[in-house]
């Protein structure tokens, strides 16, 4: 079990080229999903929250959408709707403790119950590409590429499991993207058509979480991991080489809401 395990190259291309190729491949993955019009609208609407996650999320992606598909209305929803956390089902947890300083939240200690997650692990040339391709394949599963043939519904956060070296200075390009199954599907998770997507049961866990805003790229994640390690009273109680980045809002929004999670050792 992947969650249980967590408890125990240079790229010469110009950024613009990487952006275009990443966007094109992500959108090709999405557009290959044979969804009904109503499901497509839902899927493109939910895409606002996490499409391309990082700071390289650009308007050109929307233009590419428009050129590939006749989906003006969903694209308008995608670009204008920033409701964020309030309109989506959340992964349930129990708050155990909060640490604050001068009224500022430093971190929370939470207990998450056992649950089913749909997971896919990707390894691409960059961290951002791994996230993009992984989420697009997860989104196809959410939209209709599942044994129910139906839209499953969105939950928050979408999480990515990242791995670092012992100094927390380098992030591996092996990234696991995971989606928590909505409550109505927890007892009998719909099976994915994509053989690389695995339905896993993650055991109950104690998690230390710290909120942050802005882009989620290799540099910011390394910074957040190190900042969290300095804040914890006993960082040794947590897993030291695997961390979770939780994303809650549209990455194109000016105040993106994210969290870094440290898992307490079992």
C-alpha atoms as a PDB file:
ATOM      1  CA  UNK A   1       0.000   0.000   0.000  1.00  0.00           C
ATOM      2  CA  UNK A   2       1.498   3.286  -1.143  1.00  0.00           C
ATOM      3  CA  UNK A   3       0.283   5.385   1.801  1.00  0.00           C
ATOM      4  CA  UNK A   4       1.521   2.756   4.265  1.00  0.00           C
ATOM      5  CA  UNK A   5       4.935   2.842   2.597  1.00  0.00           C
ATOM      6  CA  UNK A   6       5.094   6.596   3.057  1.00  0.00           C
ATOM      7  CA  UNK A   7       4.813   6.084   6.799  1.00  0.00           C
ATOM      8  CA  UNK A   8       7.783   3.795   7.178  1.00  0.00           C
ATOM      9  CA  UNK A   9      17.823  15.537 -15.794  1.00  0.00           C
ATOM     10  CA  UNK A  10      18.266  18.566 -16.888  1.00  0.00           C
ATOM     11  CA  UNK A  11      15.968  19.858 -19.669  1.00  0.00           C
ATOM     12  CA  UNK A  12      17.493  21.998 -22.427  1.00  0.00           C
ATOM     13  CA  UNK A  13      14.217  23.185 -23.921  1.00  0.00           C
ATOM     14  CA  UNK A  14      13.078  26.745 -23.555  1.00  0.00           C
ATOM     15  CA  UNK A  15      10.224  27.259 -21.053  1.00  0.00           C
ATOM     16  CA  UNK A  16       7.845  28.287 -23.811  1.00  0.00           C
ATOM     17  CA  UNK A  17       8.431  25.050 -25.679  1.00  0.00           C
ATOM     18  CA  UNK A  18       7.891  23.026 -22.535  1.00  0.00           C
ATOM     19  CA  UNK A  19       4.664  24.916 -21.836  1.00  0.00           C
ATOM     20  CA  UNK A  20       3.283  24.334 -25.311  1.00  0.00           C
ATOM     21  CA  UNK A  21       4.180  20.659 -25.446  1.00  0.00           C
ATOM     22  CA  UNK A  22       2.892  20.080 -21.936  1.00  0.00           C
ATOM     23  CA  UNK A  23      -0.361  21.872 -22.662  1.00  0.00           C
ATOM     24  CA  UNK A  24      -0.896  20.065 -25.951  1.00  0.00           C
ATOM     25  CA  UNK A  25      -0.329  16.656 -24.441  1.00  0.00           C
ATOM     26  CA  UNK A  26      -2.533  17.370 -21.424  1.00  0.00           C
ATOM     27  CA  UNK A  27      -5.350  18.596 -23.601  1.00  0.00           C
ATOM     28  CA  UNK A  28      -4.975  15.652 -25.959  1.00  0.00           C
ATOM     29  CA  UNK A  29      -5.427  13.351 -22.983  1.00  0.00           C
ATOM     30  CA  UNK A  30      -8.533  15.225 -21.951  1.00  0.00           C
ATOM     31  CA  UNK A  31     -10.067  15.534 -25.403  1.00  0.00           C
ATOM     32  CA  UNK A  32      -9.668  11.803 -26.022  1.00  0.00           C
ATOM     33  CA  UNK A  33     -12.272  11.141 -23.340  1.00  0.00           C
ATOM     34  CA  UNK A  34     -15.560  10.145 -24.957  1.00  0.00           C
ATOM     35  CA  UNK A  35     -17.912  12.038 -22.701  1.00  0.00           C
ATOM     36  CA  UNK A  36     -21.458  13.220 -23.191  1.00  0.00           C
ATOM     37  CA  UNK A  37     -21.958  17.013 -23.513  1.00  0.00           C
ATOM     38  CA  UNK A  38     -23.286  17.360 -19.958  1.00  0.00           C
ATOM     39  CA  UNK A  39     -20.379  15.418 -18.504  1.00  0.00           C
ATOM     40  CA  UNK A  40     -17.911  17.416 -20.596  1.00  0.00           C
ATOM     41  CA  UNK A  41     -19.244  20.653 -19.129  1.00  0.00           C
ATOM     42  CA  UNK A  42     -18.791  19.328 -15.604  1.00  0.00           C
ATOM     43  CA  UNK A  43     -15.307  18.084 -16.343  1.00  0.00           C
ATOM     44  CA  UNK A  44     -14.096  21.281 -17.958  1.00  0.00           C
ATOM     45  CA  UNK A  45     -15.626  23.239 -15.086  1.00  0.00           C
ATOM     46  CA  UNK A  46     -13.784  21.189 -12.470  1.00  0.00           C
ATOM     47  CA  UNK A  47     -10.622  21.576 -14.548  1.00  0.00           C
ATOM     48  CA  UNK A  48     -10.481  25.188 -13.341  1.00  0.00           C
ATOM     49  CA  UNK A  49      -9.183  23.992  -9.996  1.00  0.00           C
ATOM     50  CA  UNK A  50      -6.120  22.049 -11.003  1.00  0.00           C
ATOM     51  CA  UNK A  51      -5.345  22.126 -14.720  1.00  0.00           C
ATOM     52  CA  UNK A  52      -1.571  22.400 -15.030  1.00  0.00           C
ATOM     53  CA  UNK A  53      -1.226  23.243 -11.282  1.00  0.00           C
ATOM     54  CA  UNK A  54       1.939  25.364 -11.471  1.00  0.00           C
ATOM     55  CA  UNK A  55       2.987  28.889 -12.246  1.00  0.00           C
ATOM     56  CA  UNK A  56       3.211  28.128 -15.973  1.00  0.00           C
ATOM     57  CA  UNK A  57      -0.607  27.903 -16.220  1.00  0.00           C
ATOM     58  CA  UNK A  58      -1.223  30.402 -19.037  1.00  0.00           C
ATOM     59  CA  UNK A  59      -3.972  31.912 -21.179  1.00  0.00           C
ATOM     60  CA  UNK A  60      -2.518  30.065 -24.163  1.00  0.00           C
ATOM     61  CA  UNK A  61      -3.932  26.882 -22.640  1.00  0.00           C
ATOM     62  CA  UNK A  62      -7.437  28.305 -22.961  1.00  0.00           C
ATOM     63  CA  UNK A  63      -6.758  29.332 -26.554  1.00  0.00           C
ATOM     64  CA  UNK A  64      -5.553  25.837 -27.302  1.00  0.00           C
ATOM     65  CA  UNK A  65      -8.740  24.456 -25.750  1.00  0.00           C
ATOM     66  CA  UNK A  66     -10.804  26.695 -27.994  1.00  0.00           C
ATOM     67  CA  UNK A  67      -8.922  25.646 -31.111  1.00  0.00           C
ATOM     68  CA  UNK A  68      -9.295  21.934 -30.358  1.00  0.00           C
ATOM     69  CA  UNK A  69     -12.901  21.797 -29.213  1.00  0.00           C
ATOM     70  CA  UNK A  70     -16.135  23.672 -29.636  1.00  0.00           C
ATOM     71  CA  UNK A  71     -16.595  24.205 -25.921  1.00  0.00           C
ATOM     72  CA  UNK A  72     -17.048  27.936 -25.507  1.00  0.00           C
ATOM     73  CA  UNK A  73     -19.461  27.671 -22.590  1.00  0.00           C
ATOM     74  CA  UNK A  74     -17.353  25.249 -20.515  1.00  0.00           C
ATOM     75  CA  UNK A  75     -14.267  27.360 -21.178  1.00  0.00           C
ATOM     76  CA  UNK A  76     -16.120  30.429 -19.955  1.00  0.00           C
ATOM     77  CA  UNK A  77     -16.992  28.521 -16.771  1.00  0.00           C
ATOM     78  CA  UNK A  78     -13.379  27.428 -16.466  1.00  0.00           C
ATOM     79  CA  UNK A  79     -11.999  30.961 -16.667  1.00  0.00           C
ATOM     80  CA  UNK A  80     -14.632  32.789 -14.626  1.00  0.00           C
ATOM     81  CA  UNK A  81     -15.594  30.465 -11.780  1.00  0.00           C
ATOM     82  CA  UNK A  82     -13.341  30.782  -8.738  1.00  0.00           C
ATOM     83  CA  UNK A  83     -15.630  29.533  -5.984  1.00  0.00           C
ATOM     84  CA  UNK A  84     -12.814  27.437  -4.569  1.00  0.00           C
ATOM     85  CA  UNK A  85     -13.292  25.346  -1.472  1.00  0.00           C
ATOM     86  CA  UNK A  86     -16.927  26.080  -0.705  1.00  0.00           C
ATOM     87  CA  UNK A  87     -18.505  24.237  -3.645  1.00  0.00           C
ATOM     88  CA  UNK A  88     -16.664  20.911  -3.404  1.00  0.00           C
ATOM     89  CA  UNK A  89     -16.721  17.904  -1.097  1.00  0.00           C
ATOM     90  CA  UNK A  90     -13.687  17.843   1.192  1.00  0.00           C
ATOM     91  CA  UNK A  91     -11.608  14.948   2.420  1.00  0.00           C
ATOM     92  CA  UNK A  92     -12.908  14.483   5.993  1.00  0.00           C
ATOM     93  CA  UNK A  93     -10.591  14.941   8.964  1.00  0.00           C
ATOM     94  CA  UNK A  94     -10.607  15.637  12.699  1.00  0.00           C
ATOM     95  CA  UNK A  95      -8.634  18.633  13.943  1.00  0.00           C
ATOM     96  CA  UNK A  96      -6.347  17.575  16.805  1.00  0.00           C
ATOM     97  CA  UNK A  97      -4.364  20.765  17.464  1.00  0.00           C
ATOM     98  CA  UNK A  98      -3.412  24.157  16.055  1.00  0.00           C
ATOM     99  CA  UNK A  99      -0.227  26.145  16.541  1.00  0.00           C
ATOM    100  CA  UNK A 100      -0.417  29.898  16.080  1.00  0.00           C
ATOM    101  CA  UNK A 101       1.930  32.827  16.581  1.00  0.00           C
ATOM    102  CA  UNK A 102       0.690  36.421  16.830  1.00  0.00           C
ATOM    103  CA  UNK A 103      -2.634  35.332  15.363  1.00  0.00           C
ATOM    104  CA  UNK A 104      -1.020  33.616  12.365  1.00  0.00           C
ATOM    105  CA  UNK A 105      -1.648  29.915  11.799  1.00  0.00           C
ATOM    106  CA  UNK A 106       1.670  28.069  11.665  1.00  0.00           C
ATOM    107  CA  UNK A 107       0.328  24.551  11.261  1.00  0.00           C
ATOM    108  CA  UNK A 108      -2.477  22.167  12.178  1.00  0.00           C
ATOM    109  CA  UNK A 109      -2.361  18.589  13.401  1.00  0.00           C
ATOM    110  CA  UNK A 110      -5.166  16.493  11.887  1.00  0.00           C
ATOM    111  CA  UNK A 111      -6.392  12.919  11.877  1.00  0.00           C
ATOM    112  CA  UNK A 112      -7.549  11.527   8.530  1.00  0.00           C
ATOM    113  CA  UNK A 113      -9.624   8.346   8.422  1.00  0.00           C
ATOM    114  CA  UNK A 114      -8.913   5.384   6.183  1.00  0.00           C
ATOM    115  CA  UNK A 115     -10.256   5.924   2.678  1.00  0.00           C
ATOM    116  CA  UNK A 116     -10.130   4.974  -0.993  1.00  0.00           C
ATOM    117  CA  UNK A 117      -7.990   7.087  -3.309  1.00  0.00           C
ATOM    118  CA  UNK A 118      -7.450   6.870  -7.069  1.00  0.00           C
ATOM    119  CA  UNK A 119      -3.697   7.209  -7.647  1.00  0.00           C
ATOM    120  CA  UNK A 120      -1.330   7.423 -10.579  1.00  0.00           C
ATOM    121  CA  UNK A 121       2.447   7.790 -10.504  1.00  0.00           C
ATOM    122  CA  UNK A 122       4.172   9.680 -13.307  1.00  0.00           C
ATOM    123  CA  UNK A 123       7.784  10.386 -14.199  1.00  0.00           C
ATOM    124  CA  UNK A 124       8.304  13.128 -16.764  1.00  0.00           C
ATOM    125  CA  UNK A 125      11.121  15.529 -17.617  1.00  0.00           C
ATOM    126  CA  UNK A 126       9.926  18.084 -15.071  1.00  0.00           C
ATOM    127  CA  UNK A 127       7.913  18.026 -11.874  1.00  0.00           C
ATOM    128  CA  UNK A 128       5.262  20.256 -13.460  1.00  0.00           C
ATOM    129  CA  UNK A 129       4.837  17.925 -16.432  1.00  0.00           C
ATOM    130  CA  UNK A 130       4.439  14.932 -14.127  1.00  0.00           C
ATOM    131  CA  UNK A 131       1.655  16.719 -12.260  1.00  0.00           C
ATOM    132  CA  UNK A 132      -0.066  17.826 -15.454  1.00  0.00           C
ATOM    133  CA  UNK A 133      -0.110  14.450 -17.166  1.00  0.00           C
ATOM    134  CA  UNK A 134      -1.021  12.627 -13.979  1.00  0.00           C
ATOM    135  CA  UNK A 135      -3.948  14.877 -13.194  1.00  0.00           C
ATOM    136  CA  UNK A 136      -5.292  14.785 -16.730  1.00  0.00           C
ATOM    137  CA  UNK A 137      -5.447  11.001 -16.554  1.00  0.00           C
ATOM    138  CA  UNK A 138      -7.110  11.165 -13.148  1.00  0.00           C
ATOM    139  CA  UNK A 139      -9.599  13.668 -14.561  1.00  0.00           C
ATOM    140  CA  UNK A 140     -10.514  11.290 -17.368  1.00  0.00           C
ATOM    141  CA  UNK A 141     -11.303   8.719 -14.691  1.00  0.00           C
ATOM    142  CA  UNK A 142     -13.408  11.261 -12.778  1.00  0.00           C
ATOM    143  CA  UNK A 143     -15.295  12.351 -15.879  1.00  0.00           C
ATOM    144  CA  UNK A 144     -16.368   9.058 -17.437  1.00  0.00           C
ATOM    145  CA  UNK A 145     -13.526   6.597 -17.970  1.00  0.00           C
ATOM    146  CA  UNK A 146     -14.678   4.373 -15.123  1.00  0.00           C
ATOM    147  CA  UNK A 147     -16.819   1.288 -14.634  1.00  0.00           C
ATOM    148  CA  UNK A 148     -19.910   3.416 -13.951  1.00  0.00           C
ATOM    149  CA  UNK A 149     -19.447   5.394 -17.158  1.00  0.00           C
ATOM    150  CA  UNK A 150     -20.449   8.515 -15.262  1.00  0.00           C
ATOM    151  CA  UNK A 151     -19.066  11.715 -13.747  1.00  0.00           C
ATOM    152  CA  UNK A 152     -17.974  10.859 -10.202  1.00  0.00           C
ATOM    153  CA  UNK A 153     -17.840  14.338  -8.678  1.00  0.00           C
ATOM    154  CA  UNK A 154     -14.925  16.450  -7.477  1.00  0.00           C
ATOM    155  CA  UNK A 155     -13.329  16.343  -4.035  1.00  0.00           C
ATOM    156  CA  UNK A 156     -10.767  18.630  -2.438  1.00  0.00           C
ATOM    157  CA  UNK A 157      -7.909  18.655  -2.076  1.00  0.00           C
ATOM    158  CA  UNK A 158      -6.285  16.948  -5.010  1.00  0.00           C
ATOM    159  CA  UNK A 159      -2.969  15.823  -3.586  1.00  0.00           C
ATOM    160  CA  UNK A 160       0.443  15.079  -5.020  1.00  0.00           C
ATOM    161  CA  UNK A 161       2.962  12.949  -3.179  1.00  0.00           C
ATOM    162  CA  UNK A 162       6.498  14.234  -3.667  1.00  0.00           C
ATOM    163  CA  UNK A 163       9.788  12.637  -2.704  1.00  0.00           C
ATOM    164  CA  UNK A 164      12.991  14.451  -1.808  1.00  0.00           C
ATOM    165  CA  UNK A 165      16.621  13.733  -1.047  1.00  0.00           C
ATOM    166  CA  UNK A 166      17.684  13.592   2.599  1.00  0.00           C
ATOM    167  CA  UNK A 167      18.562  17.296   2.602  1.00  0.00           C
ATOM    168  CA  UNK A 168      15.153  18.344   1.239  1.00  0.00           C
ATOM    169  CA  UNK A 169      16.873  20.197  -1.589  1.00  0.00           C
ATOM    170  CA  UNK A 170      15.869  18.156  -4.659  1.00  0.00           C
ATOM    171  CA  UNK A 171      12.436  16.828  -5.629  1.00  0.00           C
ATOM    172  CA  UNK A 172      12.130  13.591  -7.565  1.00  0.00           C
ATOM    173  CA  UNK A 173      10.246  13.726 -10.860  1.00  0.00           C
ATOM    174  CA  UNK A 174       8.384  10.604  -9.742  1.00  0.00           C
ATOM    175  CA  UNK A 175       5.125  12.200  -8.613  1.00  0.00           C
ATOM    176  CA  UNK A 176       1.952  10.491  -7.428  1.00  0.00           C
ATOM    177  CA  UNK A 177      -1.305  12.347  -8.088  1.00  0.00           C
ATOM    178  CA  UNK A 178      -4.225  11.194  -5.936  1.00  0.00           C
ATOM    179  CA  UNK A 179      -7.965  11.874  -5.848  1.00  0.00           C
ATOM    180  CA  UNK A 180     -10.153  11.008  -2.853  1.00  0.00           C
ATOM    181  CA  UNK A 181     -13.294   9.150  -3.885  1.00  0.00           C
ATOM    182  CA  UNK A 182     -16.508  10.978  -2.919  1.00  0.00           C
ATOM    183  CA  UNK A 183     -18.376   9.538   0.070  1.00  0.00           C
ATOM    184  CA  UNK A 184     -21.006   7.910  -2.130  1.00  0.00           C
ATOM    185  CA  UNK A 185     -18.293   5.888  -3.903  1.00  0.00           C
ATOM    186  CA  UNK A 186     -16.129   4.970  -0.911  1.00  0.00           C
ATOM    187  CA  UNK A 187     -17.812   1.618  -0.256  1.00  0.00           C
ATOM    188  CA  UNK A 188     -17.607   0.479  -3.885  1.00  0.00           C
ATOM    189  CA  UNK A 189     -15.094   2.569  -5.837  1.00  0.00           C
ATOM    190  CA  UNK A 190     -15.714   2.635  -9.607  1.00  0.00           C
ATOM    191  CA  UNK A 191     -12.846   0.902 -11.371  1.00  0.00           C
ATOM    192  CA  UNK A 192     -10.683   2.931 -13.791  1.00  0.00           C
ATOM    193  CA  UNK A 193     -10.293   1.966 -17.440  1.00  0.00           C
ATOM    194  CA  UNK A 194      -6.738   3.307 -17.317  1.00  0.00           C
ATOM    195  CA  UNK A 195      -4.595   0.425 -16.067  1.00  0.00           C
ATOM    196  CA  UNK A 196      -2.045   2.849 -14.581  1.00  0.00           C
ATOM    197  CA  UNK A 197      -4.619   4.296 -12.181  1.00  0.00           C
ATOM    198  CA  UNK A 198      -4.781   2.248  -9.006  1.00  0.00           C
ATOM    199  CA  UNK A 199      -7.533   2.376  -6.385  1.00  0.00           C
ATOM    200  CA  UNK A 200      -5.729   2.286  -3.057  1.00  0.00           C
ATOM    201  CA  UNK A 201      -6.895   2.178   0.535  1.00  0.00           C
ATOM    202  CA  UNK A 202      -4.871   4.718   2.467  1.00  0.00           C
ATOM    203  CA  UNK A 203      -4.835   3.909   6.200  1.00  0.00           C
ATOM    204  CA  UNK A 204      -5.804   6.360   8.893  1.00  0.00           C
ATOM    205  CA  UNK A 205      -3.025   8.869   9.496  1.00  0.00           C
ATOM    206  CA  UNK A 206      -1.992  11.829  11.611  1.00  0.00           C
ATOM    207  CA  UNK A 207      -0.937  14.712   9.376  1.00  0.00           C
ATOM    208  CA  UNK A 208       0.738  18.053  10.118  1.00  0.00           C
ATOM    209  CA  UNK A 209      -0.429  20.671   7.628  1.00  0.00           C
ATOM    210  CA  UNK A 210       0.758  24.183   6.829  1.00  0.00           C
ATOM    211  CA  UNK A 211      -1.146  26.517   4.470  1.00  0.00           C
ATOM    212  CA  UNK A 212       0.547  28.560   1.764  1.00  0.00           C
ATOM    213  CA  UNK A 213      -0.516  30.541  -1.274  1.00  0.00           C
ATOM    214  CA  UNK A 214       0.918  30.916  -4.738  1.00  0.00           C
ATOM    215  CA  UNK A 215       2.381  28.554  -7.325  1.00  0.00           C
ATOM    216  CA  UNK A 216       3.363  24.955  -6.646  1.00  0.00           C
ATOM    217  CA  UNK A 217       6.639  24.316  -8.416  1.00  0.00           C
ATOM    218  CA  UNK A 218       9.866  22.623  -7.380  1.00  0.00           C
ATOM    219  CA  UNK A 219      11.347  25.757  -5.818  1.00  0.00           C
ATOM    220  CA  UNK A 220       8.299  26.737  -3.765  1.00  0.00           C
ATOM    221  CA  UNK A 221       7.673  23.184  -2.571  1.00  0.00           C
ATOM    222  CA  UNK A 222      11.260  22.773  -1.365  1.00  0.00           C
ATOM    223  CA  UNK A 223      10.888  26.084   0.466  1.00  0.00           C
ATOM    224  CA  UNK A 224       7.613  25.039   2.095  1.00  0.00           C
ATOM    225  CA  UNK A 225       9.016  21.669   3.188  1.00  0.00           C
ATOM    226  CA  UNK A 226      11.982  23.327   4.880  1.00  0.00           C
ATOM    227  CA  UNK A 227       9.817  26.009   6.479  1.00  0.00           C
ATOM    228  CA  UNK A 228       7.488  23.376   7.923  1.00  0.00           C
ATOM    229  CA  UNK A 229      10.400  21.294   9.244  1.00  0.00           C
ATOM    230  CA  UNK A 230      11.677  24.333  11.158  1.00  0.00           C
ATOM    231  CA  UNK A 231       8.270  25.000  12.719  1.00  0.00           C
ATOM    232  CA  UNK A 232       7.587  21.507  14.045  1.00  0.00           C
ATOM    233  CA  UNK A 233       8.562  20.931  17.660  1.00  0.00           C
ATOM    234  CA  UNK A 234       9.637  17.355  16.891  1.00  0.00           C
ATOM    235  CA  UNK A 235      10.165  16.968  13.131  1.00  0.00           C
ATOM    236  CA  UNK A 236      11.659  13.524  13.740  1.00  0.00           C
ATOM    237  CA  UNK A 237       8.191  12.088  14.363  1.00  0.00           C
ATOM    238  CA  UNK A 238       7.334  12.635  10.686  1.00  0.00           C
ATOM    239  CA  UNK A 239       8.331  10.815   7.535  1.00  0.00           C
ATOM    240  CA  UNK A 240      11.474  12.527   6.243  1.00  0.00           C
ATOM    241  CA  UNK A 241      11.552  11.842   2.499  1.00  0.00           C
ATOM    242  CA  UNK A 242       7.928  11.867   1.286  1.00  0.00           C
ATOM    243  CA  UNK A 243       5.552  14.803   1.562  1.00  0.00           C
ATOM    244  CA  UNK A 244       2.142  15.760   0.247  1.00  0.00           C
ATOM    245  CA  UNK A 245       1.154  18.958  -1.544  1.00  0.00           C
ATOM    246  CA  UNK A 246      -2.590  19.574  -1.269  1.00  0.00           C
ATOM    247  CA  UNK A 247      -4.255  21.924  -3.764  1.00  0.00           C
ATOM    248  CA  UNK A 248      -7.643  23.535  -3.135  1.00  0.00           C
ATOM    249  CA  UNK A 249      -8.208  26.275  -5.702  1.00  0.00           C
ATOM    250  CA  UNK A 250      -7.874  27.244  -9.334  1.00  0.00           C
ATOM    251  CA  UNK A 251      -4.156  27.666 -10.112  1.00  0.00           C
ATOM    252  CA  UNK A 252      -4.978  30.688 -12.283  1.00  0.00           C
ATOM    253  CA  UNK A 253      -6.456  32.450  -9.245  1.00  0.00           C
ATOM    254  CA  UNK A 254      -4.311  35.205  -7.749  1.00  0.00           C
ATOM    255  CA  UNK A 255      -4.510  33.677  -4.259  1.00  0.00           C
ATOM    256  CA  UNK A 256      -4.178  29.952  -4.787  1.00  0.00           C
ATOM    257  CA  UNK A 257      -4.734  27.958  -1.622  1.00  0.00           C
ATOM    258  CA  UNK A 258      -2.386  25.063  -0.942  1.00  0.00           C
ATOM    259  CA  UNK A 259      -1.053  23.078   1.989  1.00  0.00           C
ATOM    260  CA  UNK A 260       2.116  21.107   2.655  1.00  0.00           C
ATOM    261  CA  UNK A 261       1.488  17.898   4.599  1.00  0.00           C
ATOM    262  CA  UNK A 262       3.932  15.979   6.805  1.00  0.00           C
ATOM    263  CA  UNK A 263       2.875  12.432   7.737  1.00  0.00           C
ATOM    264  CA  UNK A 264       3.463  11.214  11.260  1.00  0.00           C
ATOM    265  CA  UNK A 265       5.391   7.955  11.360  1.00  0.00           C
ATOM    266  CA  UNK A 266       3.350   4.870  12.174  1.00  0.00           C
END
